C-alpha atoms as a PDB file:
ATOM      1  CA  UNK A   1      14.229 -39.105 -13.214  1.00  0.00           C
ATOM      2  CA  UNK A   2      15.637 -38.084 -10.312  1.00  0.00           C
ATOM      3  CA  UNK A   3      14.452 -36.519  -7.168  1.00  0.00           C
ATOM      4  CA  UNK A   4      15.569 -32.903  -6.680  1.00  0.00           C
ATOM      5  CA  UNK A   5      15.771 -31.386  -3.463  1.00  0.00           C
ATOM      6  CA  UNK A   6      16.196 -27.740  -2.367  1.00  0.00           C
ATOM      7  CA  UNK A   7      19.265 -26.975  -1.330  1.00  0.00           C
ATOM      8  CA  UNK A   8      19.393 -23.703   0.855  1.00  0.00           C
ATOM      9  CA  UNK A   9      22.393 -21.190   0.102  1.00  0.00           C
ATOM     10  CA  UNK A  10      23.797 -19.663   2.930  1.00  0.00           C
ATOM     11  CA  UNK A  11      23.920 -15.995   3.067  1.00  0.00           C
ATOM     12  CA  UNK A  12      27.032 -13.920   3.982  1.00  0.00           C
ATOM     13  CA  UNK A  13      26.833 -11.639   7.114  1.00  0.00           C
ATOM     14  CA  UNK A  14      26.056  -8.340   6.554  1.00  0.00           C
ATOM     15  CA  UNK A  15      23.608  -8.857   3.868  1.00  0.00           C
ATOM     16  CA  UNK A  16      20.093  -7.504   4.359  1.00  0.00           C
ATOM     17  CA  UNK A  17      17.139  -8.179   1.877  1.00  0.00           C
ATOM     18  CA  UNK A  18      14.872  -5.255   1.665  1.00  0.00           C
ATOM     19  CA  UNK A  19      11.828  -5.815  -0.055  1.00  0.00           C
ATOM     20  CA  UNK A  20       7.673  -4.605  -0.742  1.00  0.00           C
ATOM     21  CA  UNK A  21       4.732  -6.557  -0.348  1.00  0.00           C
ATOM     22  CA  UNK A  22       1.509  -5.343  -1.745  1.00  0.00           C
ATOM     23  CA  UNK A  23      -1.322  -6.404  -0.283  1.00  0.00           C
ATOM     24  CA  UNK A  24      -5.136  -6.386  -0.862  1.00  0.00           C
ATOM     25  CA  UNK A  25      -7.569  -7.276   2.050  1.00  0.00           C
ATOM     26  CA  UNK A  26     -11.326  -7.909   2.242  1.00  0.00           C
ATOM     27  CA  UNK A  27     -12.094  -3.813   3.161  1.00  0.00           C
ATOM     28  CA  UNK A  28     -14.120  -4.473   5.947  1.00  0.00           C
ATOM     29  CA  UNK A  29     -10.922  -6.621   7.315  1.00  0.00           C
ATOM     30  CA  UNK A  30      -8.251  -4.055   6.409  1.00  0.00           C
ATOM     31  CA  UNK A  31      -7.730  -3.136  10.220  1.00  0.00           C
ATOM     32  CA  UNK A  32      -7.499  -6.664  11.317  1.00  0.00           C
ATOM     33  CA  UNK A  33      -5.062  -7.474   8.356  1.00  0.00           C
ATOM     34  CA  UNK A  34      -2.835  -4.726   9.345  1.00  0.00           C
ATOM     35  CA  UNK A  35      -2.787  -5.406  13.006  1.00  0.00           C
ATOM     36  CA  UNK A  36      -1.858  -9.239  12.474  1.00  0.00           C
ATOM     37  CA  UNK A  37       1.325  -7.587  10.106  1.00  0.00           C
ATOM     38  CA  UNK A  38       2.024  -5.181  12.662  1.00  0.00           C
ATOM     39  CA  UNK A  39       3.268  -8.239  15.060  1.00  0.00           C
ATOM     40  CA  UNK A  40       5.672  -9.904  12.295  1.00  0.00           C
ATOM     41  CA  UNK A  41       9.151  -8.682  13.713  1.00  0.00           C
ATOM     42  CA  UNK A  42      10.348  -7.801   9.965  1.00  0.00           C
ATOM     43  CA  UNK A  43       7.321  -6.032   8.673  1.00  0.00           C
ATOM     44  CA  UNK A  44       6.550  -2.276   8.749  1.00  0.00           C
ATOM     45  CA  UNK A  45       3.208  -0.985   7.122  1.00  0.00           C
ATOM     46  CA  UNK A  46       3.688   2.476   4.946  1.00  0.00           C
ATOM     47  CA  UNK A  47       1.434   4.847   5.338  1.00  0.00           C
ATOM     48  CA  UNK A  48      -0.540   5.415   1.646  1.00  0.00           C
ATOM     49  CA  UNK A  49      -3.555   7.294   2.306  1.00  0.00           C
ATOM     50  CA  UNK A  50      -6.975   6.822   0.581  1.00  0.00           C
ATOM     51  CA  UNK A  51      -6.237   3.516  -0.626  1.00  0.00           C
ATOM     52  CA  UNK A  52      -7.149  -0.349   0.349  1.00  0.00           C
ATOM     53  CA  UNK A  53      -4.182  -1.108  -0.717  1.00  0.00           C
ATOM     54  CA  UNK A  54      -1.754  -2.166   2.136  1.00  0.00           C
ATOM     55  CA  UNK A  55       2.010  -1.766   1.433  1.00  0.00           C
ATOM     56  CA  UNK A  56       4.311  -3.632   3.846  1.00  0.00           C
ATOM     57  CA  UNK A  57       8.319  -3.111   3.981  1.00  0.00           C
ATOM     58  CA  UNK A  58      10.242  -6.389   5.107  1.00  0.00           C
ATOM     59  CA  UNK A  59      13.787  -5.957   6.405  1.00  0.00           C
ATOM     60  CA  UNK A  60      15.499  -9.182   6.546  1.00  0.00           C
ATOM     61  CA  UNK A  61      18.751 -11.208   6.772  1.00  0.00           C
ATOM     62  CA  UNK A  62      18.101 -13.997   4.114  1.00  0.00           C
ATOM     63  CA  UNK A  63      15.790 -14.772   0.391  1.00  0.00           C
ATOM     64  CA  UNK A  64      14.313 -17.522   2.793  1.00  0.00           C
ATOM     65  CA  UNK A  65      13.343 -15.139   5.239  1.00  0.00           C
ATOM     66  CA  UNK A  66      11.530 -13.149   2.396  1.00  0.00           C
ATOM     67  CA  UNK A  67       9.619 -16.080   1.114  1.00  0.00           C
ATOM     68  CA  UNK A  68       8.151 -17.534   4.654  1.00  0.00           C
ATOM     69  CA  UNK A  69       7.111 -13.902   5.650  1.00  0.00           C
ATOM     70  CA  UNK A  70       5.300 -13.220   2.054  1.00  0.00           C
ATOM     71  CA  UNK A  71       3.873 -17.125   2.443  1.00  0.00           C
ATOM     72  CA  UNK A  72       2.782 -15.869   6.025  1.00  0.00           C
ATOM     73  CA  UNK A  73       0.788 -12.776   4.745  1.00  0.00           C
ATOM     74  CA  UNK A  74      -0.744 -14.867   2.278  1.00  0.00           C
ATOM     75  CA  UNK A  75      -2.083 -17.397   4.333  1.00  0.00           C
ATOM     76  CA  UNK A  76      -3.507 -14.696   6.545  1.00  0.00           C
ATOM     77  CA  UNK A  77      -7.091 -14.618   6.913  1.00  0.00           C
ATOM     78  CA  UNK A  78      -8.764 -11.838   5.392  1.00  0.00           C
ATOM     79  CA  UNK A  79      -6.158 -11.303   2.751  1.00  0.00           C
ATOM     80  CA  UNK A  80      -7.035 -11.269  -1.101  1.00  0.00           C
ATOM     81  CA  UNK A  81      -3.808 -11.270  -2.491  1.00  0.00           C
ATOM     82  CA  UNK A  82      -0.405 -10.432  -1.537  1.00  0.00           C
ATOM     83  CA  UNK A  83       2.544 -10.081  -4.079  1.00  0.00           C
ATOM     84  CA  UNK A  84       6.423  -9.136  -3.900  1.00  0.00           C
ATOM     85  CA  UNK A  85       6.922  -6.224  -5.903  1.00  0.00           C
ATOM     86  CA  UNK A  86      10.142  -5.183  -4.815  1.00  0.00           C
ATOM     87  CA  UNK A  87      13.400  -6.887  -3.831  1.00  0.00           C
ATOM     88  CA  UNK A  88      17.097  -5.516  -2.914  1.00  0.00           C
ATOM     89  CA  UNK A  89      20.254  -6.115  -1.089  1.00  0.00           C
ATOM     90  CA  UNK A  90      22.373  -3.929   0.416  1.00  0.00           C
ATOM     91  CA  UNK A  91      25.395  -4.809   2.199  1.00  0.00           C
ATOM     92  CA  UNK A  92      25.349  -1.852   4.264  1.00  0.00           C
ATOM     93  CA  UNK A  93      26.501  -1.881   7.609  1.00  0.00           C
ATOM     94  CA  UNK A  94      23.553  -0.036   9.171  1.00  0.00           C
ATOM     95  CA  UNK A  95      25.411   0.412  12.657  1.00  0.00           C
ATOM     96  CA  UNK A  96      28.266   2.284  10.991  1.00  0.00           C
ATOM     97  CA  UNK A  97      26.220   5.045   9.440  1.00  0.00           C
ATOM     98  CA  UNK A  98      26.061   8.505  10.745  1.00  0.00           C
ATOM     99  CA  UNK A  99      23.854  11.432   9.937  1.00  0.00           C
ATOM    100  CA  UNK A 100      24.932  14.467   9.994  1.00  0.00           C
ATOM    101  CA  UNK A 101      24.011  17.851  11.238  1.00  0.00           C
ATOM    102  CA  UNK A 102      23.611  19.176   7.669  1.00  0.00           C
ATOM    103  CA  UNK A 103      20.890  16.072   7.057  1.00  0.00           C
ATOM    104  CA  UNK A 104      23.526  13.872   4.861  1.00  0.00           C
ATOM    105  CA  UNK A 105      24.606  10.323   5.258  1.00  0.00           C
ATOM    106  CA  UNK A 106      28.127   9.878   6.101  1.00  0.00           C
ATOM    107  CA  UNK A 107      30.103   6.645   7.298  1.00  0.00           C
ATOM    108  CA  UNK A 108      31.037   6.448  10.814  1.00  0.00           C
ATOM    109  CA  UNK A 109      33.911   8.686  12.321  1.00  0.00           C
ATOM    110  CA  UNK A 110      33.394  11.411   9.179  1.00  0.00           C
ATOM    111  CA  UNK A 111      30.719  13.378  10.612  1.00  0.00           C
ATOM    112  CA  UNK A 112      31.159  17.051   9.716  1.00  0.00           C
END
């Protein structure tokens, strides 16, 4: 039997990985878990009223960063479960998008 080693896949420039994580924390410690997640540079907590669950959006430049962030959340004190529930890859250059005064999104230079 040969030893298999993990091969890191190189991500192309300009690729964004957007994902969502569903977290269940000990109810009395929810605020502490949210405070810890807010310290993560790639994470944003979605405002979901009237639920004990926490939904976090991750914006990263690689799948490896998603896995690392998910592992970090799973290892946090007071976290019961953390599961990846959505993942999308996007190649849109977010710096080249302009929102026109009509509210629609257009490529840079075509704002009406």
